[in-house]
PDB file of N, CA and C in Angstrom:
ATOM      1  N   MET A   1       1.188  -1.609 -19.043  1.00  0.00           N
ATOM      2  CA  MET A   1       1.504  -1.833 -17.648  1.00  0.00           C
ATOM      3  C   MET A   1       1.519  -3.336 -17.397  1.00  0.00           C
ATOM      4  N   GLY A   2       2.640  -3.842 -16.880  1.00  0.00           N
ATOM      5  CA  GLY A   2       2.775  -5.264 -16.618  1.00  0.00           C
ATOM      6  C   GLY A   2       2.039  -5.693 -15.366  1.00  0.00           C
ATOM      7  N   PRO A   3       1.976  -7.004 -15.129  1.00  0.00           N
ATOM      8  CA  PRO A   3       1.232  -7.534 -13.986  1.00  0.00           C
ATOM      9  C   PRO A   3       1.741  -7.004 -12.643  1.00  0.00           C
ATOM     10  N   GLU A   4       3.049  -6.848 -12.491  1.00  0.00           N
ATOM     11  CA  GLU A   4       3.592  -6.361 -11.221  1.00  0.00           C
ATOM     12  C   GLU A   4       3.122  -4.934 -10.944  1.00  0.00           C
ATOM     13  N   TRP A   5       3.151  -4.084 -11.962  1.00  0.00           N
ATOM     14  CA  TRP A   5       2.727  -2.704 -11.780  1.00  0.00           C
ATOM     15  C   TRP A   5       1.227  -2.603 -11.551  1.00  0.00           C
ATOM     16  N   ARG A   6       0.439  -3.515 -12.109  1.00  0.00           N
ATOM     17  CA  ARG A   6      -1.001  -3.527 -11.836  1.00  0.00           C
ATOM     18  C   ARG A   6      -1.261  -3.824 -10.364  1.00  0.00           C
ATOM     19  N   LYS A   7      -0.493  -4.745  -9.797  1.00  0.00           N
ATOM     20  CA  LYS A   7      -0.651  -5.069  -8.370  1.00  0.00           C
ATOM     21  C   LYS A   7      -0.247  -3.872  -7.504  1.00  0.00           C
ATOM     22  N   ILE A   8       0.840  -3.225  -7.862  1.00  0.00           N
ATOM     23  CA  ILE A   8       1.288  -2.053  -7.102  1.00  0.00           C
ATOM     24  C   ILE A   8       0.260  -0.933  -7.206  1.00  0.00           C
ATOM     25  N   LYS A   9      -0.296  -0.733  -8.393  1.00  0.00           N
ATOM     26  CA  LYS A   9      -1.334   0.277  -8.574  1.00  0.00           C
ATOM     27  C   LYS A   9      -2.550  -0.052  -7.711  1.00  0.00           C
ATOM     28  N   GLY A  10      -2.927  -1.327  -7.634  1.00  0.00           N
ATOM     29  CA  GLY A  10      -4.049  -1.739  -6.798  1.00  0.00           C
ATOM     30  C   GLY A  10      -3.793  -1.444  -5.331  1.00  0.00           C
ATOM     31  N   ILE A  11      -2.569  -1.729  -4.866  1.00  0.00           N
ATOM     32  CA  ILE A  11      -2.211  -1.434  -3.479  1.00  0.00           C
ATOM     33  C   ILE A  11      -2.298   0.070  -3.228  1.00  0.00           C
ATOM     34  N   LEU A  12      -1.732   0.849  -4.132  1.00  0.00           N
ATOM     35  CA  LEU A  12      -1.764   2.302  -3.999  1.00  0.00           C
ATOM     36  C   LEU A  12      -3.203   2.821  -4.024  1.00  0.00           C
ATOM     37  N   ASP A  13      -4.031   2.294  -4.921  1.00  0.00           N
ATOM     38  CA  ASP A  13      -5.440   2.703  -4.992  1.00  0.00           C
ATOM     39  C   ASP A  13      -6.153   2.427  -3.671  1.00  0.00           C
ATOM     40  N   GLU A  14      -5.893   1.271  -3.088  1.00  0.00           N
ATOM     41  CA  GLU A  14      -6.529   0.895  -1.821  1.00  0.00           C
ATOM     42  C   GLU A  14      -6.114   1.847  -0.698  1.00  0.00           C
ATOM     43  N   LEU A  15      -4.825   2.163  -0.642  1.00  0.00           N
ATOM     44  CA  LEU A  15      -4.336   3.081   0.390  1.00  0.00           C
ATOM     45  C   LEU A  15      -4.907   4.488   0.197  1.00  0.00           C
ATOM     46  N   ILE A  16      -4.986   4.933  -1.041  1.00  0.00           N
ATOM     47  CA  ILE A  16      -5.567   6.257  -1.315  1.00  0.00           C
ATOM     48  C   ILE A  16      -7.040   6.271  -0.936  1.00  0.00           C
ATOM     49  N   ARG A  17      -7.757   5.209  -1.250  1.00  0.00           N
ATOM     50  CA  ARG A  17      -9.178   5.106  -0.891  1.00  0.00           C
ATOM     51  C   ARG A  17      -9.345   5.238   0.630  1.00  0.00           C
ATOM     52  N   ASN A  18      -8.482   4.582   1.391  1.00  0.00           N
ATOM     53  CA  ASN A  18      -8.561   4.673   2.851  1.00  0.00           C
ATOM     54  C   ASN A  18      -8.280   6.098   3.324  1.00  0.00           C
ATOM     55  N   SER A  19      -7.322   6.769   2.705  1.00  0.00           N
ATOM     56  CA  SER A  19      -7.018   8.158   3.063  1.00  0.00           C
ATOM     57  C   SER A  19      -8.225   9.060   2.803  1.00  0.00           C
ATOM     58  N   MET A  20      -8.856   8.865   1.661  1.00  0.00           N
ATOM     59  CA  MET A  20     -10.010   9.690   1.305  1.00  0.00           C
ATOM     60  C   MET A  20     -11.170   9.438   2.275  1.00  0.00           C
ATOM     61  N   LYS A  21     -11.391   8.174   2.653  1.00  0.00           N
ATOM     62  CA  LYS A  21     -12.450   7.846   3.611  1.00  0.00           C
ATOM     63  C   LYS A  21     -12.179   8.485   4.966  1.00  0.00           C
ATOM     64  N   ALA A  22     -10.897   8.709   5.280  1.00  0.00           N
ATOM     65  CA  ALA A  22     -10.514   9.326   6.552  1.00  0.00           C
ATOM     66  C   ALA A  22     -10.537  10.849   6.474  1.00  0.00           C
ATOM     67  N   GLY A  23     -11.016  11.393   5.357  1.00  0.00           N
ATOM     68  CA  GLY A  23     -11.172  12.830   5.233  1.00  0.00           C
ATOM     69  C   GLY A  23      -9.913  13.585   4.854  1.00  0.00           C
ATOM     70  N   ALA A  24      -8.941  12.906   4.288  1.00  0.00           N
ATOM     71  CA  ALA A  24      -7.685  13.567   3.906  1.00  0.00           C
ATOM     72  C   ALA A  24      -7.938  14.631   2.837  1.00  0.00           C
ATOM     73  N   LYS A  25      -7.339  15.776   3.047  1.00  0.00           N
ATOM     74  CA  LYS A  25      -7.377  16.860   2.057  1.00  0.00           C
ATOM     75  C   LYS A  25      -6.015  17.027   1.397  1.00  0.00           C
ATOM     76  N   ILE A  26      -4.971  16.578   2.095  1.00  0.00           N
ATOM     77  CA  ILE A  26      -3.605  16.606   1.562  1.00  0.00           C
ATOM     78  C   ILE A  26      -3.083  15.173   1.592  1.00  0.00           C
ATOM     79  N   LEU A  27      -2.556  14.737   0.464  1.00  0.00           N
ATOM     80  CA  LEU A  27      -2.087  13.356   0.337  1.00  0.00           C
ATOM     81  C   LEU A  27      -0.760  13.358  -0.411  1.00  0.00           C
ATOM     82  N   GLU A  28       0.202  12.667   0.149  1.00  0.00           N
ATOM     83  CA  GLU A  28       1.500  12.493  -0.514  1.00  0.00           C
ATOM     84  C   GLU A  28       1.649  11.015  -0.826  1.00  0.00           C
ATOM     85  N   ALA A  29       1.940  10.679  -2.063  1.00  0.00           N
ATOM     86  CA  ALA A  29       2.095   9.284  -2.471  1.00  0.00           C
ATOM     87  C   ALA A  29       3.388   9.129  -3.264  1.00  0.00           C
ATOM     88  N   LYS A  30       4.079   8.016  -3.027  1.00  0.00           N
ATOM     89  CA  LYS A  30       5.345   7.784  -3.720  1.00  0.00           C
ATOM     90  C   LYS A  30       5.553   6.283  -3.882  1.00  0.00           C
ATOM     91  N   ILE A  31       6.076   5.897  -5.041  1.00  0.00           N
ATOM     92  CA  ILE A  31       6.480   4.514  -5.299  1.00  0.00           C
ATOM     93  C   ILE A  31       7.951   4.551  -5.679  1.00  0.00           C
ATOM     94  N   GLU A  32       8.754   3.741  -4.998  1.00  0.00           N
ATOM     95  CA  GLU A  32      10.172   3.639  -5.332  1.00  0.00           C
ATOM     96  C   GLU A  32      10.500   2.198  -5.681  1.00  0.00           C
ATOM     97  N   GLU A  33      11.196   2.025  -6.789  1.00  0.00           N
ATOM     98  CA  GLU A  33      11.654   0.696  -7.173  1.00  0.00           C
ATOM     99  C   GLU A  33      13.107   0.550  -6.752  1.00  0.00           C
ATOM    100  N   LYS A  34      13.373  -0.427  -5.908  1.00  0.00           N
ATOM    101  CA  LYS A  34      14.721  -0.742  -5.446  1.00  0.00           C
ATOM    102  C   LYS A  34      15.194  -1.990  -6.190  1.00  0.00           C
ATOM    103  N   ASP A  35      16.408  -2.448  -5.895  1.00  0.00           N
ATOM    104  CA  ASP A  35      16.949  -3.622  -6.585  1.00  0.00           C
ATOM    105  C   ASP A  35      16.054  -4.853  -6.449  1.00  0.00           C
ATOM    106  N   ASP A  36      15.607  -5.136  -5.215  1.00  0.00           N
ATOM    107  CA  ASP A  36      14.859  -6.381  -4.997  1.00  0.00           C
ATOM    108  C   ASP A  36      13.437  -6.168  -4.483  1.00  0.00           C
ATOM    109  N   HIS A  37      13.002  -4.915  -4.361  1.00  0.00           N
ATOM    110  CA  HIS A  37      11.658  -4.663  -3.846  1.00  0.00           C
ATOM    111  C   HIS A  37      11.133  -3.296  -4.286  1.00  0.00           C
ATOM    112  N   PHE A  38       9.854  -3.098  -4.023  1.00  0.00           N
ATOM    113  CA  PHE A  38       9.196  -1.816  -4.234  1.00  0.00           C
ATOM    114  C   PHE A  38       8.799  -1.267  -2.871  1.00  0.00           C
ATOM    115  N   GLU A  39       8.838   0.059  -2.734  1.00  0.00           N
ATOM    116  CA  GLU A  39       8.344   0.733  -1.543  1.00  0.00           C
ATOM    117  C   GLU A  39       7.198   1.638  -1.977  1.00  0.00           C
ATOM    118  N   ILE A  40       6.065   1.456  -1.329  1.00  0.00           N
ATOM    119  CA  ILE A  40       4.863   2.231  -1.620  1.00  0.00           C
ATOM    120  C   ILE A  40       4.583   3.062  -0.374  1.00  0.00           C
ATOM    121  N   TYR A  41       4.554   4.381  -0.538  1.00  0.00           N
ATOM    122  CA  TYR A  41       4.467   5.285   0.597  1.00  0.00           C
ATOM    123  C   TYR A  41       3.267   6.225   0.435  1.00  0.00           C
ATOM    124  N   ILE A  42       2.515   6.365   1.527  1.00  0.00           N
ATOM    125  CA  ILE A  42       1.379   7.293   1.567  1.00  0.00           C
ATOM    126  C   ILE A  42       1.435   8.057   2.885  1.00  0.00           C
ATOM    127  N   LYS A  43       1.224   9.351   2.808  1.00  0.00           N
ATOM    128  CA  LYS A  43       1.090  10.186   4.001  1.00  0.00           C
ATOM    129  C   LYS A  43      -0.098  11.096   3.774  1.00  0.00           C
ATOM    130  N   ASP A  44      -0.991  11.188   4.780  1.00  0.00           N
ATOM    131  CA  ASP A  44      -2.171  12.031   4.623  1.00  0.00           C
ATOM    132  C   ASP A  44      -2.439  12.847   5.882  1.00  0.00           C
ATOM    133  N   ASN A  45      -3.333  13.787   5.748  1.00  0.00           N
ATOM    134  CA  ASN A  45      -3.748  14.598   6.889  1.00  0.00           C
ATOM    135  C   ASN A  45      -5.184  14.273   7.279  1.00  0.00           C
ATOM    136  N   GLY A  46      -5.579  13.022   7.087  1.00  0.00           N
ATOM    137  CA  GLY A  46      -6.924  12.577   7.457  1.00  0.00           C
ATOM    138  C   GLY A  46      -7.102  12.572   8.963  1.00  0.00           C
ATOM    139  N   GLU A  47      -8.178  11.953   9.411  1.00  0.00           N
ATOM    140  CA  GLU A  47      -8.523  11.982  10.832  1.00  0.00           C
ATOM    141  C   GLU A  47      -7.574  11.174  11.711  1.00  0.00           C
ATOM    142  N   GLY A  48      -6.743  10.337  11.129  1.00  0.00           N
ATOM    143  CA  GLY A  48      -5.841   9.511  11.929  1.00  0.00           C
ATOM    144  C   GLY A  48      -6.605   8.424  12.678  1.00  0.00           C
ATOM    145  N   MET A  49      -5.877   7.612  13.415  1.00  0.00           N
ATOM    146  CA  MET A  49      -6.492   6.470  14.099  1.00  0.00           C
ATOM    147  C   MET A  49      -6.152   6.477  15.575  1.00  0.00           C
ATOM    148  N   ASP A  50      -7.106   6.018  16.383  1.00  0.00           N
ATOM    149  CA  ASP A  50      -6.805   5.787  17.786  1.00  0.00           C
ATOM    150  C   ASP A  50      -6.020   4.479  17.896  1.00  0.00           C
ATOM    151  N   ASP A  51      -5.511   4.188  19.073  1.00  0.00           N
ATOM    152  CA  ASP A  51      -4.654   3.009  19.258  1.00  0.00           C
ATOM    153  C   ASP A  51      -5.360   1.701  18.912  1.00  0.00           C
ATOM    154  N   LYS A  52      -6.626   1.571  19.264  1.00  0.00           N
ATOM    155  CA  LYS A  52      -7.378   0.336  18.988  1.00  0.00           C
ATOM    156  C   LYS A  52      -7.528   0.117  17.478  1.00  0.00           C
ATOM    157  N   THR A  53      -7.888   1.169  16.758  1.00  0.00           N
ATOM    158  CA  THR A  53      -8.041   1.065  15.303  1.00  0.00           C
ATOM    159  C   THR A  53      -6.697   0.782  14.646  1.00  0.00           C
ATOM    160  N   LEU A  54      -5.646   1.444  15.121  1.00  0.00           N
ATOM    161  CA  LEU A  54      -4.311   1.227  14.571  1.00  0.00           C
ATOM    162  C   LEU A  54      -3.878  -0.232  14.731  1.00  0.00           C
ATOM    163  N   GLU A  55      -4.143  -0.825  15.886  1.00  0.00           N
ATOM    164  CA  GLU A  55      -3.800  -2.239  16.100  1.00  0.00           C
ATOM    165  C   GLU A  55      -4.593  -3.143  15.165  1.00  0.00           C
ATOM    166  N   HIS A  56      -5.851  -2.807  14.922  1.00  0.00           N
ATOM    167  CA  HIS A  56      -6.696  -3.579  13.995  1.00  0.00           C
ATOM    168  C   HIS A  56      -6.118  -3.520  12.571  1.00  0.00           C
ATOM    169  N   VAL A  57      -5.683  -2.341  12.164  1.00  0.00           N
ATOM    170  CA  VAL A  57      -5.084  -2.174  10.826  1.00  0.00           C
ATOM    171  C   VAL A  57      -3.771  -2.952  10.749  1.00  0.00           C
ATOM    172  N   LYS A  58      -2.974  -2.909  11.789  1.00  0.00           N
ATOM    173  CA  LYS A  58      -1.715  -3.658  11.799  1.00  0.00           C
ATOM    174  C   LYS A  58      -1.969  -5.157  11.663  1.00  0.00           C
ATOM    175  N   GLU A  59      -3.013  -5.648  12.320  1.00  0.00           N
ATOM    176  CA  GLU A  59      -3.368  -7.070  12.184  1.00  0.00           C
ATOM    177  C   GLU A  59      -3.716  -7.403  10.735  1.00  0.00           C
ATOM    178  N   ALA A  60      -4.518  -6.546  10.103  1.00  0.00           N
ATOM    179  CA  ALA A  60      -4.921  -6.792   8.712  1.00  0.00           C
ATOM    180  C   ALA A  60      -3.707  -6.784   7.787  1.00  0.00           C
ATOM    181  N   LEU A  61      -2.785  -5.844   7.993  1.00  0.00           N
ATOM    182  CA  LEU A  61      -1.600  -5.759   7.138  1.00  0.00           C
ATOM    183  C   LEU A  61      -0.572  -6.843   7.440  1.00  0.00           C
ATOM    184  N   SER A  62      -0.699  -7.490   8.579  1.00  0.00           N
ATOM    185  CA  SER A  62       0.261  -8.526   8.971  1.00  0.00           C
ATOM    186  C   SER A  62      -0.053  -9.892   8.378  1.00  0.00           C
ATOM    187  N   MET A  63      -1.071  -9.969   7.542  1.00  0.00           N
ATOM    188  CA  MET A  63      -1.378 -11.243   6.888  1.00  0.00           C
ATOM    189  C   MET A  63      -0.135 -11.701   6.130  1.00  0.00           C
ATOM    190  N   PRO A  64       0.179 -12.990   6.178  1.00  0.00           N
ATOM    191  CA  PRO A  64       1.361 -13.455   5.436  1.00  0.00           C
ATOM    192  C   PRO A  64       1.140 -13.345   3.925  1.00  0.00           C
ATOM    193  N   ARG A  65       2.215 -13.057   3.220  1.00  0.00           N
ATOM    194  CA  ARG A  65       2.127 -12.970   1.758  1.00  0.00           C
ATOM    195  C   ARG A  65       1.739 -14.331   1.203  1.00  0.00           C
ATOM    196  N   ARG A  66       0.784 -14.336   0.286  1.00  0.00           N
ATOM    197  CA  ARG A  66       0.240 -15.579  -0.265  1.00  0.00           C
ATOM    198  C   ARG A  66       0.491 -15.610  -1.765  1.00  0.00           C
ATOM    199  N   CYS A  67       1.644 -16.097  -2.156  1.00  0.00           N
ATOM    200  CA  CYS A  67       2.047 -16.117  -3.565  1.00  0.00           C
ATOM    201  C   CYS A  67       1.054 -16.875  -4.443  1.00  0.00           C
ATOM    202  N   GLU A  68       0.526 -17.979  -3.911  1.00  0.00           N
ATOM    203  CA  GLU A  68      -0.315 -18.851  -4.725  1.00  0.00           C
ATOM    204  C   GLU A  68      -1.666 -18.239  -5.077  1.00  0.00           C
ATOM    205  N   ILE A  69      -2.119 -17.248  -4.328  1.00  0.00           N
ATOM    206  CA  ILE A  69      -3.412 -16.625  -4.637  1.00  0.00           C
ATOM    207  C   ILE A  69      -3.267 -15.159  -5.032  1.00  0.00           C
ATOM    208  N   GLU A  70      -2.030 -14.732  -5.225  1.00  0.00           N
ATOM    209  CA  GLU A  70      -1.758 -13.325  -5.502  1.00  0.00           C
ATOM    210  C   GLU A  70      -2.387 -12.846  -6.805  1.00  0.00           C
ATOM    211  N   GLU A  71      -2.434 -13.668  -7.814  1.00  0.00           N
ATOM    212  CA  GLU A  71      -3.037 -13.256  -9.084  1.00  0.00           C
ATOM    213  C   GLU A  71      -4.501 -12.889  -8.885  1.00  0.00           C
ATOM    214  N   TYR A  72      -5.210 -13.696  -8.120  1.00  0.00           N
ATOM    215  CA  TYR A  72      -6.625 -13.429  -7.863  1.00  0.00           C
ATOM    216  C   TYR A  72      -6.796 -12.142  -7.062  1.00  0.00           C
ATOM    217  N   TYR A  73      -6.100 -12.053  -5.924  1.00  0.00           N
ATOM    218  CA  TYR A  73      -6.239 -10.869  -5.080  1.00  0.00           C
ATOM    219  C   TYR A  73      -5.634  -9.634  -5.738  1.00  0.00           C
ATOM    220  N   GLY A  74      -4.631  -9.834  -6.560  1.00  0.00           N
ATOM    221  CA  GLY A  74      -4.032  -8.710  -7.278  1.00  0.00           C
ATOM    222  C   GLY A  74      -5.023  -7.992  -8.170  1.00  0.00           C
ATOM    223  N   ASN A  75      -6.015  -8.731  -8.671  1.00  0.00           N
ATOM    224  CA  ASN A  75      -7.047  -8.119  -9.505  1.00  0.00           C
ATOM    225  C   ASN A  75      -8.149  -7.456  -8.680  1.00  0.00           C
ATOM    226  N   LEU A  76      -8.272  -7.838  -7.408  1.00  0.00           N
ATOM    227  CA  LEU A  76      -9.324  -7.276  -6.553  1.00  0.00           C
ATOM    228  C   LEU A  76      -8.866  -6.065  -5.755  1.00  0.00           C
ATOM    229  N   VAL A  77      -7.599  -6.065  -5.351  1.00  0.00           N
ATOM    230  CA  VAL A  77      -7.125  -4.980  -4.495  1.00  0.00           C
ATOM    231  C   VAL A  77      -7.283  -3.647  -5.216  1.00  0.00           C
ATOM    232  N   GLY A  78      -7.735  -2.659  -4.482  1.00  0.00           N
ATOM    233  CA  GLY A  78      -8.028  -1.359  -5.064  1.00  0.00           C
ATOM    234  C   GLY A  78      -9.488  -1.207  -5.432  1.00  0.00           C
ATOM    235  N   HIS A  79     -10.252  -2.317  -5.376  1.00  0.00           N
ATOM    236  CA  HIS A  79     -11.674  -2.292  -5.725  1.00  0.00           C
ATOM    237  C   HIS A  79     -12.526  -2.861  -4.606  1.00  0.00           C
ATOM    238  N   SER A  80     -12.001  -2.911  -3.397  1.00  0.00           N
ATOM    239  CA  SER A  80     -12.719  -3.550  -2.301  1.00  0.00           C
ATOM    240  C   SER A  80     -13.312  -2.499  -1.381  1.00  0.00           C
ATOM    241  N   SER A  81     -13.917  -2.988  -0.325  1.00  0.00           N
ATOM    242  CA  SER A  81     -14.456  -2.078   0.679  1.00  0.00           C
ATOM    243  C   SER A  81     -14.085  -2.604   2.063  1.00  0.00           C
ATOM    244  N   GLY A  82     -13.854  -1.702   2.972  1.00  0.00           N
ATOM    245  CA  GLY A  82     -13.613  -2.066   4.364  1.00  0.00           C
ATOM    246  C   GLY A  82     -12.287  -2.748   4.601  1.00  0.00           C
ATOM    247  N   ASP A  83     -12.266  -3.537   5.664  1.00  0.00           N
ATOM    248  CA  ASP A  83     -11.038  -4.179   6.123  1.00  0.00           C
ATOM    249  C   ASP A  83     -10.510  -5.223   5.152  1.00  0.00           C
ATOM    250  N   PHE A  84     -11.366  -5.767   4.310  1.00  0.00           N
ATOM    251  CA  PHE A  84     -10.920  -6.800   3.378  1.00  0.00           C
ATOM    252  C   PHE A  84      -9.818  -6.262   2.472  1.00  0.00           C
ATOM    253  N   GLY A  85      -9.908  -4.992   2.086  1.00  0.00           N
ATOM    254  CA  GLY A  85      -8.882  -4.387   1.243  1.00  0.00           C
ATOM    255  C   GLY A  85      -7.528  -4.356   1.917  1.00  0.00           C
ATOM    256  N   LEU A  86      -7.504  -4.031   3.202  1.00  0.00           N
ATOM    257  CA  LEU A  86      -6.236  -4.029   3.934  1.00  0.00           C
ATOM    258  C   LEU A  86      -5.682  -5.438   4.083  1.00  0.00           C
ATOM    259  N   SER A  87      -6.539  -6.411   4.291  1.00  0.00           N
ATOM    260  CA  SER A  87      -6.091  -7.802   4.362  1.00  0.00           C
ATOM    261  C   SER A  87      -5.501  -8.254   3.029  1.00  0.00           C
ATOM    262  N   MET A  88      -6.116  -7.823   1.923  1.00  0.00           N
ATOM    263  CA  MET A  88      -5.565  -8.167   0.609  1.00  0.00           C
ATOM    264  C   MET A  88      -4.189  -7.545   0.428  1.00  0.00           C
ATOM    265  N   ILE A  89      -4.017  -6.293   0.883  1.00  0.00           N
ATOM    266  CA  ILE A  89      -2.695  -5.673   0.817  1.00  0.00           C
ATOM    267  C   ILE A  89      -1.711  -6.515   1.618  1.00  0.00           C
ATOM    268  N   GLY A  90      -2.114  -6.943   2.815  1.00  0.00           N
ATOM    269  CA  GLY A  90      -1.247  -7.776   3.647  1.00  0.00           C
ATOM    270  C   GLY A  90      -0.827  -9.052   2.947  1.00  0.00           C
ATOM    271  N   MET A  91      -1.745  -9.668   2.198  1.00  0.00           N
ATOM    272  CA  MET A  91      -1.436 -10.915   1.501  1.00  0.00           C
ATOM    273  C   MET A  91      -0.572 -10.691   0.259  1.00  0.00           C
ATOM    274  N   MET A  92      -0.350  -9.426  -0.103  1.00  0.00           N
ATOM    275  CA  MET A  92       0.438  -9.118  -1.304  1.00  0.00           C
ATOM    276  C   MET A  92       1.751  -8.410  -0.980  1.00  0.00           C
ATOM    277  N   THR A  93       2.054  -8.236   0.305  1.00  0.00           N
ATOM    278  CA  THR A  93       3.252  -7.492   0.680  1.00  0.00           C
ATOM    279  C   THR A  93       4.090  -8.265   1.681  1.00  0.00           C
ATOM    280  N   ASP A  94       5.306  -7.792   1.862  1.00  0.00           N
ATOM    281  CA  ASP A  94       6.242  -8.499   2.730  1.00  0.00           C
ATOM    282  C   ASP A  94       6.487  -7.803   4.058  1.00  0.00           C
ATOM    283  N   ASP A  95       6.308  -6.513   4.106  1.00  0.00           N
ATOM    284  CA  ASP A  95       6.528  -5.776   5.345  1.00  0.00           C
ATOM    285  C   ASP A  95       5.828  -4.430   5.245  1.00  0.00           C
ATOM    286  N   PHE A  96       5.672  -3.766   6.386  1.00  0.00           N
ATOM    287  CA  PHE A  96       5.043  -2.446   6.390  1.00  0.00           C
ATOM    288  C   PHE A  96       5.488  -1.665   7.612  1.00  0.00           C
ATOM    289  N   TYR A  97       5.328  -0.366   7.517  1.00  0.00           N
ATOM    290  CA  TYR A  97       5.517   0.548   8.637  1.00  0.00           C
ATOM    291  C   TYR A  97       4.297   1.458   8.630  1.00  0.00           C
ATOM    292  N   ILE A  98       3.714   1.701   9.800  1.00  0.00           N
ATOM    293  CA  ILE A  98       2.561   2.598   9.873  1.00  0.00           C
ATOM    294  C   ILE A  98       2.665   3.445  11.130  1.00  0.00           C
ATOM    295  N   ASN A  99       2.333   4.707  10.971  1.00  0.00           N
ATOM    296  CA  ASN A  99       2.284   5.634  12.089  1.00  0.00           C
ATOM    297  C   ASN A  99       1.031   6.471  11.918  1.00  0.00           C
ATOM    298  N   SER A 100       0.218   6.558  12.953  1.00  0.00           N
ATOM    299  CA  SER A 100      -1.015   7.330  12.870  1.00  0.00           C
ATOM    300  C   SER A 100      -1.340   7.896  14.242  1.00  0.00           C
ATOM    301  N   LYS A 101      -1.789   9.118  14.245  1.00  0.00           N
ATOM    302  CA  LYS A 101      -2.222   9.785  15.471  1.00  0.00           C
ATOM    303  C   LYS A 101      -3.594  10.387  15.223  1.00  0.00           C
ATOM    304  N   LYS A 102      -4.501  10.139  16.148  1.00  0.00           N
ATOM    305  CA  LYS A 102      -5.852  10.693  16.042  1.00  0.00           C
ATOM    306  C   LYS A 102      -5.767  12.209  15.886  1.00  0.00           C
ATOM    307  N   GLY A 103      -6.426  12.728  14.862  1.00  0.00           N
ATOM    308  CA  GLY A 103      -6.434  14.153  14.595  1.00  0.00           C
ATOM    309  C   GLY A 103      -5.224  14.670  13.826  1.00  0.00           C
ATOM    310  N   LYS A 104      -4.264  13.791  13.511  1.00  0.00           N
ATOM    311  CA  LYS A 104      -3.026  14.223  12.847  1.00  0.00           C
ATOM    312  C   LYS A 104      -2.803  13.587  11.483  1.00  0.00           C
ATOM    313  N   GLY A 105      -3.427  12.458  11.203  1.00  0.00           N
ATOM    314  CA  GLY A 105      -3.224  11.792   9.925  1.00  0.00           C
ATOM    315  C   GLY A 105      -2.456  10.486  10.067  1.00  0.00           C
ATOM    316  N   THR A 106      -2.122   9.923   8.921  1.00  0.00           N
ATOM    317  CA  THR A 106      -1.491   8.603   8.877  1.00  0.00           C
ATOM    318  C   THR A 106      -0.363   8.600   7.863  1.00  0.00           C
ATOM    319  N   GLU A 107       0.665   7.845   8.181  1.00  0.00           N
ATOM    320  CA  GLU A 107       1.802   7.634   7.293  1.00  0.00           C
ATOM    321  C   GLU A 107       2.026   6.126   7.215  1.00  0.00           C
ATOM    322  N   ILE A 108       2.145   5.601   6.014  1.00  0.00           N
ATOM    323  CA  ILE A 108       2.327   4.160   5.852  1.00  0.00           C
ATOM    324  C   ILE A 108       3.313   3.887   4.724  1.00  0.00           C
ATOM    325  N   LYS A 109       4.167   2.898   4.944  1.00  0.00           N
ATOM    326  CA  LYS A 109       5.082   2.436   3.900  1.00  0.00           C
ATOM    327  C   LYS A 109       4.901   0.934   3.779  1.00  0.00           C
ATOM    328  N   ILE A 110       4.668   0.486   2.554  1.00  0.00           N
ATOM    329  CA  ILE A 110       4.499  -0.934   2.232  1.00  0.00           C
ATOM    330  C   ILE A 110       5.722  -1.399   1.476  1.00  0.00           C
ATOM    331  N   ILE A 111       6.255  -2.560   1.849  1.00  0.00           N
ATOM    332  CA  ILE A 111       7.383  -3.174   1.160  1.00  0.00           C
ATOM    333  C   ILE A 111       6.879  -4.403   0.416  1.00  0.00           C
ATOM    334  N   ARG A 112       7.147  -4.451  -0.872  1.00  0.00           N
ATOM    335  CA  ARG A 112       6.769  -5.611  -1.694  1.00  0.00           C
ATOM    336  C   ARG A 112       7.996  -6.092  -2.446  1.00  0.00           C
ATOM    337  N   LYS A 113       8.462  -7.293  -2.079  1.00  0.00           N
ATOM    338  CA  LYS A 113       9.617  -7.873  -2.777  1.00  0.00           C
ATOM    339  C   LYS A 113       9.220  -8.256  -4.186  1.00  0.00           C
ATOM    340  N   LYS A 114      10.187  -8.162  -5.095  1.00  0.00           N
ATOM    341  CA  LYS A 114       9.926  -8.484  -6.490  1.00  0.00           C
ATOM    342  C   LYS A 114       9.683  -9.971  -6.686  1.00  0.00           C
ATOM    343  N   GLU A 115      10.378 -10.800  -5.925  1.00  0.00           N
ATOM    344  CA  GLU A 115      10.170 -12.246  -6.014  1.00  0.00           C
ATOM    345  C   GLU A 115       9.367 -12.716  -4.823  1.00  0.00           C
ATOM    346  N   CYS A 116       8.315 -13.432  -5.090  1.00  0.00           N
ATOM    347  CA  CYS A 116       7.484 -13.973  -4.042  1.00  0.00           C
ATOM    348  C   CYS A 116       8.064 -15.304  -3.576  1.00  0.00           C
ATOM    349  N   ARG A 117       8.234 -15.440  -2.285  1.00  0.00           N
ATOM    350  CA  ARG A 117       8.810 -16.696  -1.729  1.00  0.00           C
ATOM    351  C   ARG A 117       7.890 -17.315  -0.740  1.00  0.00           C
TER     352      ARG A 117
END
């Protein structure tokens, strides 16, 4: 497994860990490789998030991608605890979509470009 796939695996591990902490019993995960990016998708039936928590998660995922420290964080993501893991995902990705409803679960798609700019 090359360095890029290790980072993607770390992102996926972190998202799965969050789903499990939210009590998910059903989890759908998918990774798609496109021409210039990867799409990492998770959907679960966990407890979902209220609006305040959802905004907090969006802030963590909105961290700008940090190419210069990606090697370091790439080795940590998937092994963290709490909000720091989501912030690390934010620093390793270019865009995201998230939808969550309290009592219904969460759906998230992470976009990671192949070239860091």
